[in-house]
């Protein structure tokens, strides 16, 4: 007669499986995971910022005067693709058809933020942009990215290293206030 499995052993095995699943998920969805974040519209930065050479500030309009660079509104996209209410640029593409649907319903596009800092840290975009820091230094070569992914770690040591290279203040209150 077979002995019934030990409940503690089963619970331990289950906990181990759960830890493995969570660990794999953390590396495939989090920063540097590649492809874990899916946007509501596949926005090809390589076409817009690369091929068409649209400057970052055209869509991220508040980066030079605000703490946040801003995620472009549906109206920014529609301004180029649906001028005067008529779809003109890339009208047959899936992304523009999705944009048209948001525009018709006058709903904001629920973009998913990719570059995100913890709440206890502040990154004033305007200070960095106005100091001449290029967007690509933190965000990577977005002009070559089909889908934007987090390029830099955005961890404190990474920021401090950049500040030291540029001989900029590194005291706590620069970023934590």
N, C-alpha and C. Protein backbone atom coordinates (compact mmCIF):
# COMPACT_ATOMS: atom_id res chain seq x y z
N UNK A 1 0.83 -1.17 0.00
CA UNK A 1 0.00 0.00 0.00
C UNK A 1 0.88 1.24 0.00
N UNK A 2 0.60 2.18 -0.91
CA UNK A 2 1.39 3.40 -1.05
C UNK A 2 1.12 4.35 0.09
N UNK A 3 2.19 4.99 0.53
CA UNK A 3 2.08 5.95 1.62
C UNK A 3 1.58 7.29 1.06
N UNK A 4 0.59 7.95 1.70
CA UNK A 4 0.11 9.24 1.19
C UNK A 4 1.21 10.30 1.26
N UNK A 5 1.23 11.26 0.28
CA UNK A 5 2.27 12.28 0.27
C UNK A 5 2.20 13.17 1.51
N UNK A 6 3.34 13.58 1.97
CA UNK A 6 3.46 14.46 3.13
C UNK A 6 2.94 15.85 2.75
N UNK A 7 2.01 16.39 3.54
CA UNK A 7 1.41 17.70 3.24
C UNK A 7 2.45 18.81 3.28
N UNK A 8 3.39 18.74 4.18
CA UNK A 8 4.44 19.76 4.28
C UNK A 8 5.32 19.72 3.03
N UNK A 9 5.64 18.52 2.57
CA UNK A 9 6.44 18.36 1.37
C UNK A 9 5.72 18.92 0.15
N UNK A 10 4.42 18.64 0.04
CA UNK A 10 3.63 19.18 -1.07
C UNK A 10 3.55 20.69 -1.02
N UNK A 11 3.35 21.25 0.17
CA UNK A 11 3.28 22.71 0.32
C UNK A 11 4.61 23.34 -0.06
N UNK A 12 5.71 22.72 0.35
CA UNK A 12 7.04 23.23 0.01
C UNK A 12 7.29 23.19 -1.49
N UNK A 13 6.89 22.09 -2.13
CA UNK A 13 7.06 21.97 -3.58
C UNK A 13 6.22 23.03 -4.29
N UNK A 14 5.01 23.23 -3.81
CA UNK A 14 4.14 24.25 -4.40
C UNK A 14 4.73 25.64 -4.26
N UNK A 15 5.29 25.94 -3.09
CA UNK A 15 5.92 27.24 -2.85
C UNK A 15 7.12 27.43 -3.77
N UNK A 16 7.90 26.37 -3.97
CA UNK A 16 9.06 26.44 -4.85
C UNK A 16 8.64 26.73 -6.28
N UNK A 17 7.61 26.06 -6.76
CA UNK A 17 7.09 26.30 -8.11
C UNK A 17 6.63 27.75 -8.24
N UNK A 18 5.92 28.26 -7.24
CA UNK A 18 5.44 29.63 -7.25
C UNK A 18 6.61 30.62 -7.32
N UNK A 19 7.65 30.38 -6.55
CA UNK A 19 8.82 31.26 -6.57
C UNK A 19 9.48 31.26 -7.95
N UNK A 20 9.60 30.11 -8.56
CA UNK A 20 10.20 30.02 -9.90
C UNK A 20 9.36 30.80 -10.90
N UNK A 21 8.05 30.63 -10.85
CA UNK A 21 7.15 31.35 -11.77
C UNK A 21 7.29 32.86 -11.57
N UNK A 22 7.31 33.32 -10.32
CA UNK A 22 7.44 34.74 -10.05
C UNK A 22 8.79 35.28 -10.51
N UNK A 23 9.85 34.52 -10.29
CA UNK A 23 11.19 34.95 -10.70
C UNK A 23 11.28 35.06 -12.22
N UNK A 24 10.77 34.07 -12.92
CA UNK A 24 10.77 34.12 -14.39
C UNK A 24 9.95 35.31 -14.86
N UNK A 25 8.81 35.53 -14.26
CA UNK A 25 7.95 36.66 -14.62
C UNK A 25 8.64 37.99 -14.40
N UNK A 26 9.38 38.12 -13.31
CA UNK A 26 10.08 39.37 -13.01
C UNK A 26 11.13 39.68 -14.06
N UNK A 27 11.80 38.66 -14.60
CA UNK A 27 12.83 38.90 -15.60
C UNK A 27 12.27 39.05 -17.01
N UNK A 28 11.07 38.60 -17.26
CA UNK A 28 10.52 38.73 -18.61
C UNK A 28 9.56 39.88 -18.76
N UNK A 29 9.04 40.41 -17.66
CA UNK A 29 8.09 41.52 -17.74
C UNK A 29 8.71 42.81 -17.29
N UNK A 30 9.62 42.78 -16.33
CA UNK A 30 10.20 43.97 -15.76
C UNK A 30 11.20 44.62 -16.70
N UNK A 31 11.98 45.59 -16.17
CA UNK A 31 12.98 46.27 -16.99
C UNK A 31 13.92 45.27 -17.64
N UNK A 32 14.27 45.51 -18.86
CA UNK A 32 15.18 44.70 -19.64
C UNK A 32 14.60 43.34 -19.98
N UNK A 33 13.29 43.17 -19.80
CA UNK A 33 12.65 41.89 -20.06
C UNK A 33 12.37 41.66 -21.53
N UNK A 34 12.23 42.71 -22.28
CA UNK A 34 12.02 42.57 -23.71
C UNK A 34 10.66 42.04 -24.07
N UNK A 35 9.78 42.92 -24.43
CA UNK A 35 8.49 42.50 -24.95
C UNK A 35 7.43 42.23 -23.90
N UNK A 36 7.69 42.54 -22.64
CA UNK A 36 6.69 42.28 -21.62
C UNK A 36 5.58 43.32 -21.59
N UNK A 37 5.85 44.49 -22.12
CA UNK A 37 4.87 45.58 -22.11
C UNK A 37 4.27 45.69 -23.51
N UNK A 38 2.95 45.66 -23.55
CA UNK A 38 2.27 45.80 -24.84
C UNK A 38 1.43 47.06 -24.83
N UNK A 39 1.64 47.89 -25.81
CA UNK A 39 0.93 49.16 -25.94
C UNK A 39 -0.40 48.93 -26.65
N UNK A 40 -1.38 49.82 -26.42
CA UNK A 40 -2.68 49.67 -27.09
C UNK A 40 -2.59 49.86 -28.60
N UNK A 41 -1.60 50.63 -29.04
CA UNK A 41 -1.31 50.80 -30.46
C UNK A 41 0.18 50.55 -30.63
N UNK A 42 0.53 49.73 -31.58
CA UNK A 42 1.95 49.47 -31.84
C UNK A 42 2.53 50.72 -32.50
N UNK A 43 3.23 51.53 -31.71
CA UNK A 43 3.78 52.79 -32.21
C UNK A 43 5.23 52.57 -32.64
N UNK A 44 5.51 52.67 -33.93
CA UNK A 44 6.88 52.41 -34.42
C UNK A 44 7.77 53.66 -34.28
N UNK A 45 8.52 53.73 -33.18
CA UNK A 45 9.43 54.86 -33.00
C UNK A 45 10.49 54.89 -34.11
N UNK A 46 10.87 53.72 -34.62
CA UNK A 46 11.88 53.70 -35.68
C UNK A 46 11.41 54.44 -36.93
N UNK A 47 10.12 54.40 -37.20
CA UNK A 47 9.56 55.13 -38.37
C UNK A 47 9.43 56.61 -38.04
N UNK A 48 8.82 56.92 -36.90
CA UNK A 48 8.55 58.32 -36.56
C UNK A 48 9.83 59.09 -36.24
N UNK A 49 10.62 58.60 -35.27
CA UNK A 49 11.83 59.30 -34.85
C UNK A 49 13.01 58.99 -35.75
N UNK A 50 13.01 57.82 -36.37
CA UNK A 50 14.11 57.42 -37.25
C UNK A 50 13.91 57.86 -38.68
N UNK A 51 13.13 57.11 -39.41
CA UNK A 51 12.92 57.38 -40.85
C UNK A 51 12.40 58.79 -41.10
N UNK A 52 11.37 59.21 -40.36
CA UNK A 52 10.76 60.53 -40.59
C UNK A 52 11.44 61.65 -39.80
N UNK A 53 12.37 61.30 -38.94
CA UNK A 53 13.16 62.24 -38.15
C UNK A 53 12.32 63.28 -37.41
N UNK A 54 11.22 62.84 -36.84
CA UNK A 54 10.39 63.72 -36.02
C UNK A 54 11.09 63.86 -34.67
N UNK A 55 11.39 65.09 -34.24
CA UNK A 55 12.09 65.28 -32.97
C UNK A 55 11.24 64.79 -31.79
N UNK A 56 11.91 64.27 -30.76
CA UNK A 56 11.22 63.78 -29.56
C UNK A 56 10.28 64.83 -29.00
N UNK A 57 10.73 66.09 -28.98
CA UNK A 57 9.95 67.18 -28.39
C UNK A 57 8.66 67.48 -29.16
N UNK A 58 8.55 67.02 -30.40
CA UNK A 58 7.32 67.27 -31.15
C UNK A 58 6.14 66.54 -30.49
N UNK A 59 6.39 65.32 -30.04
CA UNK A 59 5.33 64.53 -29.41
C UNK A 59 5.37 64.65 -27.88
N UNK A 60 6.56 64.72 -27.32
CA UNK A 60 6.73 64.82 -25.87
C UNK A 60 6.95 66.31 -25.54
N UNK A 61 5.91 67.08 -25.72
CA UNK A 61 5.99 68.54 -25.72
C UNK A 61 6.36 69.18 -24.40
N UNK A 62 6.16 68.53 -23.30
CA UNK A 62 6.42 69.18 -22.02
C UNK A 62 7.78 68.86 -21.42
N UNK A 63 8.60 68.13 -22.12
CA UNK A 63 9.88 67.68 -21.56
C UNK A 63 10.81 68.83 -21.18
N UNK A 64 10.74 69.96 -21.86
CA UNK A 64 11.64 71.07 -21.56
C UNK A 64 11.08 72.07 -20.54
N UNK A 65 9.85 71.83 -20.06
CA UNK A 65 9.26 72.78 -19.11
C UNK A 65 8.50 72.10 -17.97
N UNK A 66 8.67 70.79 -17.82
CA UNK A 66 7.95 70.06 -16.80
C UNK A 66 8.81 68.94 -16.24
N UNK A 67 8.40 68.44 -15.08
CA UNK A 67 9.13 67.29 -14.53
C UNK A 67 8.91 66.05 -15.38
N UNK A 68 7.77 65.96 -16.05
CA UNK A 68 7.46 64.80 -16.89
C UNK A 68 7.57 65.18 -18.37
N UNK A 69 8.07 64.23 -19.17
CA UNK A 69 8.17 64.47 -20.61
C UNK A 69 6.79 64.44 -21.25
N UNK A 70 5.87 63.74 -20.61
CA UNK A 70 4.52 63.65 -21.13
C UNK A 70 4.36 62.55 -22.15
N UNK A 71 3.28 61.82 -22.02
CA UNK A 71 2.94 60.81 -23.01
C UNK A 71 1.99 61.48 -23.98
N UNK A 72 2.27 61.42 -25.27
CA UNK A 72 1.45 62.15 -26.25
C UNK A 72 -0.04 61.78 -26.18
N UNK A 73 -0.85 62.77 -26.35
CA UNK A 73 -2.30 62.55 -26.37
C UNK A 73 -2.74 62.04 -27.73
N UNK A 74 -3.95 61.56 -27.77
CA UNK A 74 -4.53 61.10 -29.02
C UNK A 74 -4.56 62.24 -30.04
N UNK A 75 -4.78 63.48 -29.57
CA UNK A 75 -4.86 64.63 -30.47
C UNK A 75 -3.53 64.91 -31.17
N UNK A 76 -2.42 64.63 -30.49
CA UNK A 76 -1.11 64.82 -31.12
C UNK A 76 -0.97 63.88 -32.31
N UNK A 77 -1.33 62.62 -32.11
CA UNK A 77 -1.25 61.63 -33.19
C UNK A 77 -2.23 61.99 -34.32
N UNK A 78 -3.44 62.35 -33.93
CA UNK A 78 -4.47 62.68 -34.92
C UNK A 78 -4.11 63.92 -35.70
N UNK A 79 -3.37 64.84 -35.09
CA UNK A 79 -2.96 66.06 -35.80
C UNK A 79 -2.20 65.76 -37.07
N UNK A 80 -1.41 64.71 -37.07
CA UNK A 80 -0.66 64.33 -38.28
C UNK A 80 -1.44 63.34 -39.15
N UNK A 81 -2.03 62.35 -38.51
CA UNK A 81 -2.65 61.26 -39.26
C UNK A 81 -4.09 61.55 -39.69
N UNK A 82 -4.80 62.38 -38.94
CA UNK A 82 -6.22 62.63 -39.25
C UNK A 82 -6.48 64.15 -39.29
N UNK A 83 -5.72 64.90 -40.08
CA UNK A 83 -5.92 66.35 -40.10
C UNK A 83 -7.29 66.70 -40.68
N UNK A 84 -7.99 67.57 -40.00
CA UNK A 84 -9.32 67.97 -40.47
C UNK A 84 -10.34 66.85 -40.45
N UNK A 85 -10.06 65.78 -39.72
CA UNK A 85 -11.01 64.67 -39.62
C UNK A 85 -10.92 63.66 -40.74
N UNK A 86 -9.93 63.80 -41.62
CA UNK A 86 -9.77 62.87 -42.74
C UNK A 86 -8.44 62.14 -42.56
N UNK A 87 -8.50 60.82 -42.50
CA UNK A 87 -7.28 60.04 -42.33
C UNK A 87 -6.46 60.13 -43.61
N UNK A 88 -5.22 60.61 -43.46
CA UNK A 88 -4.39 60.85 -44.64
C UNK A 88 -3.08 60.07 -44.64
N UNK A 89 -2.39 60.03 -43.53
CA UNK A 89 -1.06 59.43 -43.49
C UNK A 89 -1.16 58.00 -42.96
N UNK A 90 -0.69 57.04 -43.73
CA UNK A 90 -0.69 55.62 -43.38
C UNK A 90 -2.10 55.12 -43.03
N UNK A 91 -3.07 55.56 -43.79
CA UNK A 91 -4.48 55.27 -43.52
C UNK A 91 -4.79 53.77 -43.47
N UNK A 92 -4.05 52.95 -44.19
CA UNK A 92 -4.32 51.52 -44.23
C UNK A 92 -3.64 50.74 -43.10
N UNK A 93 -2.79 51.39 -42.33
CA UNK A 93 -2.07 50.65 -41.29
C UNK A 93 -2.98 50.33 -40.11
N UNK A 94 -2.69 49.22 -39.47
CA UNK A 94 -3.48 48.79 -38.31
C UNK A 94 -3.43 49.84 -37.21
N UNK A 95 -2.25 50.39 -36.94
CA UNK A 95 -2.10 51.38 -35.88
C UNK A 95 -2.93 52.62 -36.12
N UNK A 96 -2.96 53.10 -37.36
CA UNK A 96 -3.75 54.30 -37.67
C UNK A 96 -5.24 53.98 -37.60
N UNK A 97 -5.62 52.79 -37.98
CA UNK A 97 -7.03 52.42 -37.84
C UNK A 97 -7.42 52.38 -36.36
N UNK A 98 -6.51 51.91 -35.51
CA UNK A 98 -6.78 51.92 -34.07
C UNK A 98 -6.86 53.37 -33.56
N UNK A 99 -5.97 54.22 -34.04
CA UNK A 99 -6.00 55.64 -33.69
C UNK A 99 -7.33 56.26 -34.09
N UNK A 100 -7.81 55.94 -35.29
CA UNK A 100 -9.11 56.45 -35.76
C UNK A 100 -10.23 56.09 -34.79
N UNK A 101 -10.19 54.88 -34.27
CA UNK A 101 -11.24 54.44 -33.34
C UNK A 101 -11.20 55.28 -32.06
N UNK A 102 -10.00 55.53 -31.53
CA UNK A 102 -9.90 56.38 -30.34
C UNK A 102 -10.38 57.80 -30.67
N UNK A 103 -10.01 58.29 -31.84
CA UNK A 103 -10.38 59.64 -32.26
C UNK A 103 -11.90 59.78 -32.41
N UNK A 104 -12.53 58.80 -33.07
CA UNK A 104 -13.99 58.84 -33.25
C UNK A 104 -14.71 58.84 -31.90
N UNK A 105 -14.22 58.04 -30.96
CA UNK A 105 -14.85 57.94 -29.65
C UNK A 105 -14.39 59.04 -28.70
N UNK A 106 -13.40 59.84 -29.14
CA UNK A 106 -12.81 60.89 -28.31
C UNK A 106 -12.36 60.35 -26.95
N UNK A 107 -11.68 59.20 -27.01
CA UNK A 107 -11.13 58.57 -25.82
C UNK A 107 -9.61 58.68 -25.86
N UNK A 108 -9.00 58.88 -24.70
CA UNK A 108 -7.54 58.91 -24.68
C UNK A 108 -6.96 57.52 -24.94
N UNK A 109 -5.81 57.51 -25.55
CA UNK A 109 -5.12 56.24 -25.80
C UNK A 109 -4.49 55.82 -24.46
N UNK A 110 -4.79 54.64 -23.96
CA UNK A 110 -4.25 54.21 -22.66
C UNK A 110 -2.82 53.67 -22.76
N UNK A 111 -1.89 54.58 -23.14
CA UNK A 111 -0.50 54.17 -23.25
C UNK A 111 0.00 53.62 -21.93
N UNK A 112 0.90 52.68 -21.99
CA UNK A 112 1.50 52.08 -20.80
C UNK A 112 2.87 52.71 -20.61
N UNK A 113 3.09 53.27 -19.44
CA UNK A 113 4.37 53.91 -19.15
C UNK A 113 5.48 52.86 -19.10
N UNK A 114 6.60 53.16 -19.75
CA UNK A 114 7.71 52.22 -19.81
C UNK A 114 8.82 52.64 -18.84
N UNK A 115 9.20 53.90 -18.89
CA UNK A 115 10.26 54.41 -18.01
C UNK A 115 9.61 54.98 -16.77
N UNK A 116 9.78 54.29 -15.66
CA UNK A 116 9.09 54.67 -14.44
C UNK A 116 10.05 54.63 -13.26
N UNK A 117 10.01 55.67 -12.46
CA UNK A 117 10.85 55.75 -11.27
C UNK A 117 10.01 55.47 -10.04
N UNK A 118 10.65 55.04 -8.95
CA UNK A 118 9.92 54.87 -7.70
C UNK A 118 9.37 56.22 -7.23
N UNK A 119 8.32 56.19 -6.45
CA UNK A 119 7.69 57.42 -5.97
C UNK A 119 8.63 58.28 -5.12
N UNK A 120 9.64 57.68 -4.50
CA UNK A 120 10.53 58.44 -3.63
C UNK A 120 11.66 59.15 -4.38
N UNK A 121 11.68 59.04 -5.70
CA UNK A 121 12.71 59.70 -6.50
C UNK A 121 12.05 60.64 -7.51
N UNK A 122 12.72 61.74 -7.77
CA UNK A 122 12.20 62.71 -8.75
C UNK A 122 13.20 62.87 -9.88
N UNK A 123 12.68 62.95 -11.07
CA UNK A 123 13.52 63.18 -12.25
C UNK A 123 12.89 64.33 -13.03
N UNK A 124 13.36 65.55 -12.79
CA UNK A 124 12.79 66.68 -13.52
C UNK A 124 13.33 66.73 -14.96
N UNK A 125 12.51 66.31 -15.90
CA UNK A 125 12.94 66.29 -17.30
C UNK A 125 13.46 67.64 -17.76
N UNK A 126 12.76 68.73 -17.35
CA UNK A 126 13.15 70.04 -17.86
C UNK A 126 14.59 70.39 -17.49
N UNK A 127 15.04 70.02 -16.31
CA UNK A 127 16.42 70.33 -15.93
C UNK A 127 17.41 69.59 -16.81
N UNK A 128 17.10 68.36 -17.11
CA UNK A 128 18.00 67.55 -17.93
C UNK A 128 17.98 68.00 -19.40
N UNK A 129 16.79 68.22 -19.94
CA UNK A 129 16.68 68.67 -21.34
C UNK A 129 17.36 70.02 -21.51
N UNK A 130 17.09 70.95 -20.58
CA UNK A 130 17.66 72.29 -20.68
C UNK A 130 19.15 72.33 -20.39
N UNK A 131 19.69 71.27 -19.78
CA UNK A 131 21.14 71.16 -19.56
C UNK A 131 21.82 70.50 -20.75
N UNK A 132 21.04 70.14 -21.76
CA UNK A 132 21.62 69.56 -22.97
C UNK A 132 21.75 68.05 -22.97
N UNK A 133 21.13 67.38 -22.00
CA UNK A 133 21.16 65.92 -21.99
C UNK A 133 20.24 65.42 -23.11
N UNK A 134 20.78 64.65 -24.02
CA UNK A 134 19.99 64.11 -25.12
C UNK A 134 19.06 63.01 -24.61
N UNK A 135 17.87 62.92 -25.17
CA UNK A 135 16.88 61.91 -24.76
C UNK A 135 17.48 60.50 -24.79
N UNK A 136 18.31 60.24 -25.81
CA UNK A 136 18.87 58.91 -26.02
C UNK A 136 19.83 58.50 -24.90
N UNK A 137 20.37 59.45 -24.15
CA UNK A 137 21.28 59.10 -23.07
C UNK A 137 20.59 58.27 -21.99
N UNK A 138 19.30 58.52 -21.78
CA UNK A 138 18.54 57.75 -20.79
C UNK A 138 17.63 56.73 -21.46
N UNK A 139 17.03 57.12 -22.57
CA UNK A 139 16.03 56.28 -23.22
C UNK A 139 16.59 55.39 -24.32
N UNK A 140 17.87 55.55 -24.64
CA UNK A 140 18.49 54.72 -25.66
C UNK A 140 18.14 55.21 -27.06
N UNK A 141 18.58 54.47 -28.08
CA UNK A 141 18.36 54.88 -29.47
C UNK A 141 16.93 54.59 -29.93
N UNK A 142 15.97 55.37 -29.40
CA UNK A 142 14.56 55.12 -29.72
C UNK A 142 14.29 55.22 -31.21
N UNK A 143 15.13 55.98 -31.92
CA UNK A 143 14.94 56.13 -33.36
C UNK A 143 15.20 54.82 -34.12
N UNK A 144 15.72 53.81 -33.43
CA UNK A 144 15.94 52.50 -34.06
C UNK A 144 15.02 51.43 -33.49
N UNK A 145 14.19 51.80 -32.51
CA UNK A 145 13.35 50.82 -31.83
C UNK A 145 11.97 50.71 -32.46
N UNK A 146 11.58 49.51 -32.85
CA UNK A 146 10.22 49.28 -33.34
C UNK A 146 9.27 49.48 -32.17
N UNK A 147 9.59 48.87 -31.03
CA UNK A 147 8.85 49.07 -29.78
C UNK A 147 9.83 49.58 -28.75
N UNK A 148 9.49 50.66 -28.08
CA UNK A 148 10.38 51.21 -27.07
C UNK A 148 10.43 50.28 -25.87
N UNK A 149 11.63 50.02 -25.42
CA UNK A 149 11.86 49.24 -24.21
C UNK A 149 12.75 50.07 -23.30
N UNK A 150 12.71 49.77 -22.01
CA UNK A 150 13.56 50.48 -21.08
C UNK A 150 15.00 50.16 -21.42
N UNK A 151 15.78 51.19 -21.66
CA UNK A 151 17.16 51.06 -22.11
C UNK A 151 18.14 51.08 -20.94
N UNK A 152 17.94 51.99 -20.02
CA UNK A 152 18.83 52.16 -18.88
C UNK A 152 18.17 51.60 -17.63
N UNK A 153 18.97 51.30 -16.63
CA UNK A 153 18.41 50.70 -15.42
C UNK A 153 17.56 51.69 -14.63
N UNK A 154 17.87 52.98 -14.72
CA UNK A 154 17.18 54.03 -13.96
C UNK A 154 17.33 53.82 -12.46
N UNK A 155 18.32 53.07 -12.06
CA UNK A 155 18.58 52.86 -10.64
C UNK A 155 19.49 53.99 -10.13
N UNK A 156 19.49 54.17 -8.84
CA UNK A 156 20.20 55.29 -8.24
C UNK A 156 21.68 55.32 -8.63
N UNK A 157 22.35 54.19 -8.61
CA UNK A 157 23.77 54.15 -8.96
C UNK A 157 24.02 54.61 -10.39
N UNK A 158 23.12 54.27 -11.28
CA UNK A 158 23.24 54.69 -12.68
C UNK A 158 23.13 56.20 -12.79
N UNK A 159 22.17 56.79 -12.06
CA UNK A 159 21.99 58.24 -12.07
C UNK A 159 23.21 58.94 -11.45
N UNK A 160 23.68 58.44 -10.32
CA UNK A 160 24.83 59.05 -9.65
C UNK A 160 26.06 59.01 -10.54
N UNK A 161 26.25 57.89 -11.23
CA UNK A 161 27.40 57.78 -12.14
C UNK A 161 27.35 58.87 -13.21
N UNK A 162 26.17 59.10 -13.77
CA UNK A 162 26.00 60.15 -14.79
C UNK A 162 26.27 61.53 -14.19
N UNK A 163 25.74 61.78 -12.99
CA UNK A 163 25.97 63.07 -12.34
C UNK A 163 27.45 63.30 -12.08
N UNK A 164 28.15 62.27 -11.63
CA UNK A 164 29.58 62.41 -11.35
C UNK A 164 30.37 62.68 -12.63
N UNK A 165 30.02 61.97 -13.72
CA UNK A 165 30.69 62.19 -15.01
C UNK A 165 30.52 63.63 -15.48
N UNK A 166 29.36 64.22 -15.19
CA UNK A 166 29.07 65.59 -15.62
C UNK A 166 29.40 66.63 -14.56
N UNK A 167 29.92 66.15 -13.43
CA UNK A 167 30.27 67.02 -12.31
C UNK A 167 29.06 67.82 -11.83
N UNK A 168 27.97 67.08 -11.60
CA UNK A 168 26.71 67.64 -11.12
C UNK A 168 26.49 67.14 -9.70
N UNK A 169 25.78 67.92 -8.91
CA UNK A 169 25.52 67.55 -7.51
C UNK A 169 25.00 66.12 -7.39
N UNK A 170 25.43 65.44 -6.32
CA UNK A 170 24.96 64.08 -6.05
C UNK A 170 24.38 63.94 -4.65
N UNK A 171 24.17 65.05 -3.93
CA UNK A 171 23.59 64.93 -2.60
C UNK A 171 22.15 64.44 -2.71
N UNK A 172 21.65 63.85 -1.64
CA UNK A 172 20.34 63.19 -1.64
C UNK A 172 19.20 64.07 -2.13
N UNK A 173 19.25 65.35 -1.76
CA UNK A 173 18.13 66.24 -2.06
C UNK A 173 18.04 66.65 -3.53
N UNK A 174 18.99 66.24 -4.32
CA UNK A 174 18.90 66.51 -5.76
C UNK A 174 17.74 65.71 -6.35
N UNK A 175 17.57 64.48 -5.91
CA UNK A 175 16.55 63.61 -6.48
C UNK A 175 15.45 63.19 -5.49
N UNK A 176 15.74 63.33 -4.22
CA UNK A 176 14.79 62.89 -3.19
C UNK A 176 14.30 64.10 -2.41
N UNK A 177 13.14 64.64 -2.81
CA UNK A 177 12.56 65.81 -2.13
C UNK A 177 11.08 65.73 -2.12
